[in-house]
Amino acid sequence: MREWKQKRLHQLQNVEKPIAEPKLELTAEEKLAKLNKLFGAWKNQPDLTEIFAEIDQQRHTYQGRSLDSIDNQDNG
């Protein structure tokens, strides 16, 4: 048990260490170019179009679960 506690303490100490932030000095234009490249990765992907079309169709057809109305319950 003691070994487990030491191992866990070591893991937690590693988590608490600050994460070094990258030192990139980018201009506004370079930042925009990186963002456009990232967002462009999802363009023209038929698989995604099909997936979202199916989600949209299911969203419109799902009526939720049926609930018993208080008016329809037997108070017997």
PDB file of N, CA and C in Angstrom:
ATOM      1  N   MET A   1       0.828  -1.188   0.000  1.00  0.00           N
ATOM      2  CA  MET A   1       0.000   0.000   0.000  1.00  0.00           C
ATOM      3  C   MET A   1       0.874   1.254   0.000  1.00  0.00           C
ATOM      4  N   ARG A   2       1.944   1.226   0.730  1.00  0.00           N
ATOM      5  CA  ARG A   2       2.825   2.386   0.815  1.00  0.00           C
ATOM      6  C   ARG A   2       3.427   2.711  -0.554  1.00  0.00           C
ATOM      7  N   GLU A   3       3.807   1.672  -1.287  1.00  0.00           N
ATOM      8  CA  GLU A   3       4.376   1.873  -2.621  1.00  0.00           C
ATOM      9  C   GLU A   3       3.355   2.543  -3.539  1.00  0.00           C
ATOM     10  N   TRP A   4       2.107   2.122  -3.432  1.00  0.00           N
ATOM     11  CA  TRP A   4       1.042   2.709  -4.240  1.00  0.00           C
ATOM     12  C   TRP A   4       0.879   4.193  -3.914  1.00  0.00           C
ATOM     13  N   LYS A   5       0.918   4.535  -2.633  1.00  0.00           N
ATOM     14  CA  LYS A   5       0.768   5.937  -2.222  1.00  0.00           C
ATOM     15  C   LYS A   5       1.923   6.781  -2.745  1.00  0.00           C
ATOM     16  N   GLN A   6       3.126   6.241  -2.686  1.00  0.00           N
ATOM     17  CA  GLN A   6       4.284   6.975  -3.190  1.00  0.00           C
ATOM     18  C   GLN A   6       4.175   7.193  -4.698  1.00  0.00           C
ATOM     19  N   LYS A   7       3.725   6.172  -5.390  1.00  0.00           N
ATOM     20  CA  LYS A   7       3.570   6.275  -6.841  1.00  0.00           C
ATOM     21  C   LYS A   7       2.515   7.328  -7.185  1.00  0.00           C
ATOM     22  N   ARG A   8       1.402   7.303  -6.445  1.00  0.00           N
ATOM     23  CA  ARG A   8       0.323   8.264  -6.686  1.00  0.00           C
ATOM     24  C   ARG A   8       0.780   9.686  -6.369  1.00  0.00           C
ATOM     25  N   LEU A   9       1.532   9.861  -5.289  1.00  0.00           N
ATOM     26  CA  LEU A   9       2.050  11.171  -4.925  1.00  0.00           C
ATOM     27  C   LEU A   9       2.972  11.694  -6.017  1.00  0.00           C
ATOM     28  N   HIS A  10       3.806  10.814  -6.548  1.00  0.00           N
ATOM     29  CA  HIS A  10       4.704  11.198  -7.639  1.00  0.00           C
ATOM     30  C   HIS A  10       3.909  11.641  -8.868  1.00  0.00           C
ATOM     31  N   GLN A  11       2.836  10.920  -9.189  1.00  0.00           N
ATOM     32  CA  GLN A  11       1.989  11.293 -10.324  1.00  0.00           C
ATOM     33  C   GLN A  11       1.377  12.671 -10.108  1.00  0.00           C
ATOM     34  N   LEU A  12       0.882  12.923  -8.912  1.00  0.00           N
ATOM     35  CA  LEU A  12       0.257  14.209  -8.623  1.00  0.00           C
ATOM     36  C   LEU A  12       1.266  15.344  -8.668  1.00  0.00           C
ATOM     37  N   GLN A  13       2.466  15.095  -8.235  1.00  0.00           N
ATOM     38  CA  GLN A  13       3.495  16.127  -8.288  1.00  0.00           C
ATOM     39  C   GLN A  13       3.817  16.486  -9.729  1.00  0.00           C
ATOM     40  N   ASN A  14       3.801  15.501 -10.603  1.00  0.00           N
ATOM     41  CA  ASN A  14       4.054  15.771 -12.017  1.00  0.00           C
ATOM     42  C   ASN A  14       2.931  16.588 -12.633  1.00  0.00           C
ATOM     43  N   VAL A  15       1.703  16.370 -12.184  1.00  0.00           N
ATOM     44  CA  VAL A  15       0.560  17.101 -12.722  1.00  0.00           C
ATOM     45  C   VAL A  15       0.635  18.569 -12.331  1.00  0.00           C
ATOM     46  N   GLU A  16       1.133  18.841 -11.135  1.00  0.00           N
ATOM     47  CA  GLU A  16       1.158  20.204 -10.635  1.00  0.00           C
ATOM     48  C   GLU A  16       2.235  21.067 -11.274  1.00  0.00           C
ATOM     49  N   LYS A  17       3.160  20.470 -11.982  1.00  0.00           N
ATOM     50  CA  LYS A  17       4.212  21.250 -12.622  1.00  0.00           C
ATOM     51  C   LYS A  17       3.601  22.117 -13.714  1.00  0.00           C
ATOM     52  N   PRO A  18       4.028  23.364 -13.800  1.00  0.00           N
ATOM     53  CA  PRO A  18       3.467  24.236 -14.841  1.00  0.00           C
ATOM     54  C   PRO A  18       3.860  23.755 -16.233  1.00  0.00           C
ATOM     55  N   ILE A  19       2.947  23.907 -17.136  1.00  0.00           N
ATOM     56  CA  ILE A  19       3.187  23.517 -18.521  1.00  0.00           C
ATOM     57  C   ILE A  19       3.851  24.689 -19.226  1.00  0.00           C
ATOM     58  N   ALA A  20       4.965  24.427 -19.845  1.00  0.00           N
ATOM     59  CA  ALA A  20       5.673  25.484 -20.561  1.00  0.00           C
ATOM     60  C   ALA A  20       4.869  25.887 -21.786  1.00  0.00           C
ATOM     61  N   GLU A  21       4.688  27.179 -21.940  1.00  0.00           N
ATOM     62  CA  GLU A  21       3.946  27.673 -23.098  1.00  0.00           C
ATOM     63  C   GLU A  21       4.914  27.935 -24.244  1.00  0.00           C
ATOM     64  N   PRO A  22       4.498  27.592 -25.455  1.00  0.00           N
ATOM     65  CA  PRO A  22       5.377  27.844 -26.600  1.00  0.00           C
ATOM     66  C   PRO A  22       5.573  29.341 -26.797  1.00  0.00           C
ATOM     67  N   LYS A  23       6.751  29.702 -27.182  1.00  0.00           N
ATOM     68  CA  LYS A  23       7.080  31.108 -27.384  1.00  0.00           C
ATOM     69  C   LYS A  23       7.075  31.403 -28.876  1.00  0.00           C
ATOM     70  N   LEU A  24       5.888  31.522 -29.431  1.00  0.00           N
ATOM     71  CA  LEU A  24       5.760  31.840 -30.843  1.00  0.00           C
ATOM     72  C   LEU A  24       5.392  33.309 -30.981  1.00  0.00           C
ATOM     73  N   GLU A  25       6.210  34.022 -31.664  1.00  0.00           N
ATOM     74  CA  GLU A  25       5.917  35.425 -31.941  1.00  0.00           C
ATOM     75  C   GLU A  25       5.333  35.502 -33.348  1.00  0.00           C
ATOM     76  N   LEU A  26       4.017  35.426 -33.435  1.00  0.00           N
ATOM     77  CA  LEU A  26       3.351  35.441 -34.732  1.00  0.00           C
ATOM     78  C   LEU A  26       2.667  36.777 -34.945  1.00  0.00           C
ATOM     79  N   THR A  27       2.696  37.214 -36.169  1.00  0.00           N
ATOM     80  CA  THR A  27       1.952  38.424 -36.511  1.00  0.00           C
ATOM     81  C   THR A  27       0.479  38.062 -36.627  1.00  0.00           C
ATOM     82  N   ALA A  28      -0.362  39.073 -36.685  1.00  0.00           N
ATOM     83  CA  ALA A  28      -1.799  38.835 -36.829  1.00  0.00           C
ATOM     84  C   ALA A  28      -2.082  38.064 -38.115  1.00  0.00           C
ATOM     85  N   GLU A  29      -1.359  38.383 -39.172  1.00  0.00           N
ATOM     86  CA  GLU A  29      -1.559  37.699 -40.449  1.00  0.00           C
ATOM     87  C   GLU A  29      -1.166  36.226 -40.356  1.00  0.00           C
ATOM     88  N   GLU A  30      -0.072  35.941 -39.656  1.00  0.00           N
ATOM     89  CA  GLU A  30       0.366  34.555 -39.499  1.00  0.00           C
ATOM     90  C   GLU A  30      -0.633  33.757 -38.656  1.00  0.00           C
ATOM     91  N   LYS A  31      -1.147  34.398 -37.613  1.00  0.00           N
ATOM     92  CA  LYS A  31      -2.158  33.740 -36.778  1.00  0.00           C
ATOM     93  C   LYS A  31      -3.402  33.421 -37.593  1.00  0.00           C
ATOM     94  N   LEU A  32      -3.848  34.387 -38.394  1.00  0.00           N
ATOM     95  CA  LEU A  32      -5.025  34.183 -39.231  1.00  0.00           C
ATOM     96  C   LEU A  32      -4.781  33.065 -40.242  1.00  0.00           C
ATOM     97  N   ALA A  33      -3.598  33.032 -40.824  1.00  0.00           N
ATOM     98  CA  ALA A  33      -3.270  31.982 -41.793  1.00  0.00           C
ATOM     99  C   ALA A  33      -3.310  30.602 -41.130  1.00  0.00           C
ATOM    100  N   LYS A  34      -2.795  30.501 -39.904  1.00  0.00           N
ATOM    101  CA  LYS A  34      -2.831  29.219 -39.186  1.00  0.00           C
ATOM    102  C   LYS A  34      -4.267  28.802 -38.893  1.00  0.00           C
ATOM    103  N   LEU A  35      -5.092  29.758 -38.468  1.00  0.00           N
ATOM    104  CA  LEU A  35      -6.496  29.449 -38.193  1.00  0.00           C
ATOM    105  C   LEU A  35      -7.220  29.010 -39.459  1.00  0.00           C
ATOM    106  N   ASN A  36      -7.009  29.720 -40.550  1.00  0.00           N
ATOM    107  CA  ASN A  36      -7.660  29.353 -41.813  1.00  0.00           C
ATOM    108  C   ASN A  36      -7.231  27.964 -42.273  1.00  0.00           C
ATOM    109  N   LYS A  37      -5.974  27.634 -42.065  1.00  0.00           N
ATOM    110  CA  LYS A  37      -5.487  26.300 -42.429  1.00  0.00           C
ATOM    111  C   LYS A  37      -6.170  25.239 -41.566  1.00  0.00           C
ATOM    112  N   LEU A  38      -6.298  25.519 -40.280  1.00  0.00           N
ATOM    113  CA  LEU A  38      -6.944  24.577 -39.371  1.00  0.00           C
ATOM    114  C   LEU A  38      -8.407  24.386 -39.734  1.00  0.00           C
ATOM    115  N   PHE A  39      -9.137  25.484 -39.914  1.00  0.00           N
ATOM    116  CA  PHE A  39     -10.561  25.380 -40.213  1.00  0.00           C
ATOM    117  C   PHE A  39     -10.801  24.799 -41.598  1.00  0.00           C
ATOM    118  N   GLY A  40      -9.885  24.996 -42.501  1.00  0.00           N
ATOM    119  CA  GLY A  40     -10.013  24.456 -43.843  1.00  0.00           C
ATOM    120  C   GLY A  40      -9.861  22.947 -43.886  1.00  0.00           C
ATOM    121  N   ALA A  41      -9.359  22.364 -42.823  1.00  0.00           N
ATOM    122  CA  ALA A  41      -9.161  20.912 -42.784  1.00  0.00           C
ATOM    123  C   ALA A  41     -10.480  20.163 -42.858  1.00  0.00           C
ATOM    124  N   TRP A  42     -11.580  20.835 -42.500  1.00  0.00           N
ATOM    125  CA  TRP A  42     -12.882  20.171 -42.501  1.00  0.00           C
ATOM    126  C   TRP A  42     -13.667  20.432 -43.785  1.00  0.00           C
ATOM    127  N   LYS A  43     -13.103  21.172 -44.700  1.00  0.00           N
ATOM    128  CA  LYS A  43     -13.804  21.486 -45.946  1.00  0.00           C
ATOM    129  C   LYS A  43     -13.881  20.257 -46.844  1.00  0.00           C
ATOM    130  N   ASN A  44     -14.947  20.214 -47.605  1.00  0.00           N
ATOM    131  CA  ASN A  44     -15.099  19.215 -48.671  1.00  0.00           C
ATOM    132  C   ASN A  44     -14.853  17.781 -48.199  1.00  0.00           C
ATOM    133  N   GLN A  45     -15.475  17.416 -47.101  1.00  0.00           N
ATOM    134  CA  GLN A  45     -15.364  16.041 -46.623  1.00  0.00           C
ATOM    135  C   GLN A  45     -16.751  15.415 -46.663  1.00  0.00           C
ATOM    136  N   PRO A  46     -17.033  14.624 -47.701  1.00  0.00           N
ATOM    137  CA  PRO A  46     -18.357  14.031 -47.859  1.00  0.00           C
ATOM    138  C   PRO A  46     -18.793  13.205 -46.654  1.00  0.00           C
ATOM    139  N   ASP A  47     -17.846  12.555 -45.994  1.00  0.00           N
ATOM    140  CA  ASP A  47     -18.210  11.764 -44.813  1.00  0.00           C
ATOM    141  C   ASP A  47     -18.853  12.639 -43.747  1.00  0.00           C
ATOM    142  N   LEU A  48     -18.266  13.807 -43.513  1.00  0.00           N
ATOM    143  CA  LEU A  48     -18.825  14.708 -42.507  1.00  0.00           C
ATOM    144  C   LEU A  48     -20.190  15.223 -42.935  1.00  0.00           C
ATOM    145  N   THR A  49     -20.341  15.512 -44.206  1.00  0.00           N
ATOM    146  CA  THR A  49     -21.626  15.994 -44.708  1.00  0.00           C
ATOM    147  C   THR A  49     -22.703  14.945 -44.475  1.00  0.00           C
ATOM    148  N   GLU A  50     -22.379  13.691 -44.773  1.00  0.00           N
ATOM    149  CA  GLU A  50     -23.339  12.598 -44.563  1.00  0.00           C
ATOM    150  C   GLU A  50     -23.666  12.421 -43.083  1.00  0.00           C
ATOM    151  N   ILE A  51     -22.650  12.482 -42.249  1.00  0.00           N
ATOM    152  CA  ILE A  51     -22.861  12.306 -40.807  1.00  0.00           C
ATOM    153  C   ILE A  51     -23.779  13.391 -40.268  1.00  0.00           C
ATOM    154  N   PHE A  52     -23.505  14.643 -40.618  1.00  0.00           N
ATOM    155  CA  PHE A  52     -24.326  15.734 -40.102  1.00  0.00           C
ATOM    156  C   PHE A  52     -25.731  15.720 -40.691  1.00  0.00           C
ATOM    157  N   ALA A  53     -25.875  15.261 -41.925  1.00  0.00           N
ATOM    158  CA  ALA A  53     -27.211  15.138 -42.515  1.00  0.00           C
ATOM    159  C   ALA A  53     -28.025  14.090 -41.755  1.00  0.00           C
ATOM    160  N   GLU A  54     -27.386  12.986 -41.392  1.00  0.00           N
ATOM    161  CA  GLU A  54     -28.079  11.945 -40.633  1.00  0.00           C
ATOM    162  C   GLU A  54     -28.453  12.443 -39.237  1.00  0.00           C
ATOM    163  N   ILE A  55     -27.553  13.158 -38.596  1.00  0.00           N
ATOM    164  CA  ILE A  55     -27.853  13.727 -37.276  1.00  0.00           C
ATOM    165  C   ILE A  55     -29.024  14.685 -37.375  1.00  0.00           C
ATOM    166  N   ASP A  56     -29.014  15.527 -38.398  1.00  0.00           N
ATOM    167  CA  ASP A  56     -30.096  16.494 -38.577  1.00  0.00           C
ATOM    168  C   ASP A  56     -31.427  15.786 -38.792  1.00  0.00           C
ATOM    169  N   GLN A  57     -31.407  14.721 -39.592  1.00  0.00           N
ATOM    170  CA  GLN A  57     -32.636  13.966 -39.848  1.00  0.00           C
ATOM    171  C   GLN A  57     -33.152  13.325 -38.562  1.00  0.00           C
ATOM    172  N   GLN A  58     -32.279  12.713 -37.797  1.00  0.00           N
ATOM    173  CA  GLN A  58     -32.688  12.076 -36.546  1.00  0.00           C
ATOM    174  C   GLN A  58     -33.190  13.102 -35.541  1.00  0.00           C
ATOM    175  N   ARG A  59     -32.579  14.258 -35.535  1.00  0.00           N
ATOM    176  CA  ARG A  59     -32.984  15.303 -34.597  1.00  0.00           C
ATOM    177  C   ARG A  59     -34.413  15.737 -34.856  1.00  0.00           C
ATOM    178  N   HIS A  60     -34.799  15.778 -36.122  1.00  0.00           N
ATOM    179  CA  HIS A  60     -36.146  16.223 -36.464  1.00  0.00           C
ATOM    180  C   HIS A  60     -37.192  15.122 -36.311  1.00  0.00           C
ATOM    181  N   THR A  61     -36.783  13.861 -36.363  1.00  0.00           N
ATOM    182  CA  THR A  61     -37.760  12.779 -36.251  1.00  0.00           C
ATOM    183  C   THR A  61     -37.946  12.298 -34.820  1.00  0.00           C
ATOM    184  N   TYR A  62     -36.982  12.510 -33.950  1.00  0.00           N
ATOM    185  CA  TYR A  62     -37.088  12.036 -32.571  1.00  0.00           C
ATOM    186  C   TYR A  62     -38.101  12.886 -31.818  1.00  0.00           C
ATOM    187  N   GLN A  63     -39.079  12.235 -31.228  1.00  0.00           N
ATOM    188  CA  GLN A  63     -40.133  12.947 -30.506  1.00  0.00           C
ATOM    189  C   GLN A  63     -39.964  12.843 -28.996  1.00  0.00           C
ATOM    190  N   GLY A  64     -38.903  12.255 -28.553  1.00  0.00           N
ATOM    191  CA  GLY A  64     -38.676  12.117 -27.121  1.00  0.00           C
ATOM    192  C   GLY A  64     -39.414  10.921 -26.559  1.00  0.00           C
ATOM    193  N   ARG A  65     -39.225  10.692 -25.296  1.00  0.00           N
ATOM    194  CA  ARG A  65     -39.902   9.555 -24.675  1.00  0.00           C
ATOM    195  C   ARG A  65     -41.315   9.956 -24.290  1.00  0.00           C
ATOM    196  N   SER A  66     -42.187   8.982 -24.217  1.00  0.00           N
ATOM    197  CA  SER A  66     -43.572   9.282 -23.869  1.00  0.00           C
ATOM    198  C   SER A  66     -43.700   9.396 -22.357  1.00  0.00           C
ATOM    199  N   LEU A  67     -44.462  10.356 -21.933  1.00  0.00           N
ATOM    200  CA  LEU A  67     -44.705  10.578 -20.513  1.00  0.00           C
ATOM    201  C   LEU A  67     -46.185  10.418 -20.241  1.00  0.00           C
ATOM    202  N   ASP A  68     -46.495   9.830 -19.127  1.00  0.00           N
ATOM    203  CA  ASP A  68     -47.894   9.731 -18.734  1.00  0.00           C
ATOM    204  C   ASP A  68     -48.333  11.080 -18.191  1.00  0.00           C
ATOM    205  N   SER A  69     -49.363  11.606 -18.775  1.00  0.00           N
ATOM    206  CA  SER A  69     -49.909  12.872 -18.306  1.00  0.00           C
ATOM    207  C   SER A  69     -50.631  12.648 -16.985  1.00  0.00           C
ATOM    208  N   ILE A  70     -50.647  13.639 -16.155  1.00  0.00           N
ATOM    209  CA  ILE A  70     -51.378  13.550 -14.883  1.00  0.00           C
ATOM    210  C   ILE A  70     -52.851  13.287 -15.160  1.00  0.00           C
ATOM    211  N   ASP A  71     -53.373  13.868 -16.232  1.00  0.00           N
ATOM    212  CA  ASP A  71     -54.776  13.686 -16.592  1.00  0.00           C
ATOM    213  C   ASP A  71     -55.079  12.247 -16.996  1.00  0.00           C
ATOM    214  N   ASN A  72     -54.093  11.525 -17.526  1.00  0.00           N
ATOM    215  CA  ASN A  72     -54.307  10.164 -18.015  1.00  0.00           C
ATOM    216  C   ASN A  72     -54.003   9.094 -16.979  1.00  0.00           C
ATOM    217  N   GLN A  73     -53.501   9.460 -15.824  1.00  0.00           N
ATOM    218  CA  GLN A  73     -53.151   8.469 -14.812  1.00  0.00           C
ATOM    219  C   GLN A  73     -54.392   8.010 -14.062  1.00  0.00           C
ATOM    220  N   ASP A  74     -54.377   6.751 -13.723  1.00  0.00           N
ATOM    221  CA  ASP A  74     -55.478   6.182 -12.947  1.00  0.00           C
ATOM    222  C   ASP A  74     -55.240   6.501 -11.474  1.00  0.00           C
ATOM    223  N   ASN A  75     -56.135   7.216 -10.874  1.00  0.00           N
ATOM    224  CA  ASN A  75     -55.970   7.608  -9.474  1.00  0.00           C
ATOM    225  C   ASN A  75     -56.580   6.590  -8.525  1.00  0.00           C
ATOM    226  N   GLY A  76     -56.787   5.379  -8.980  1.00  0.00           N
ATOM    227  CA  GLY A  76     -57.478   4.353  -8.244  1.00  0.00           C
ATOM    228  C   GLY A  76     -56.710   3.765  -7.166  1.00  0.00           C
TER     229      GLY A  76
END
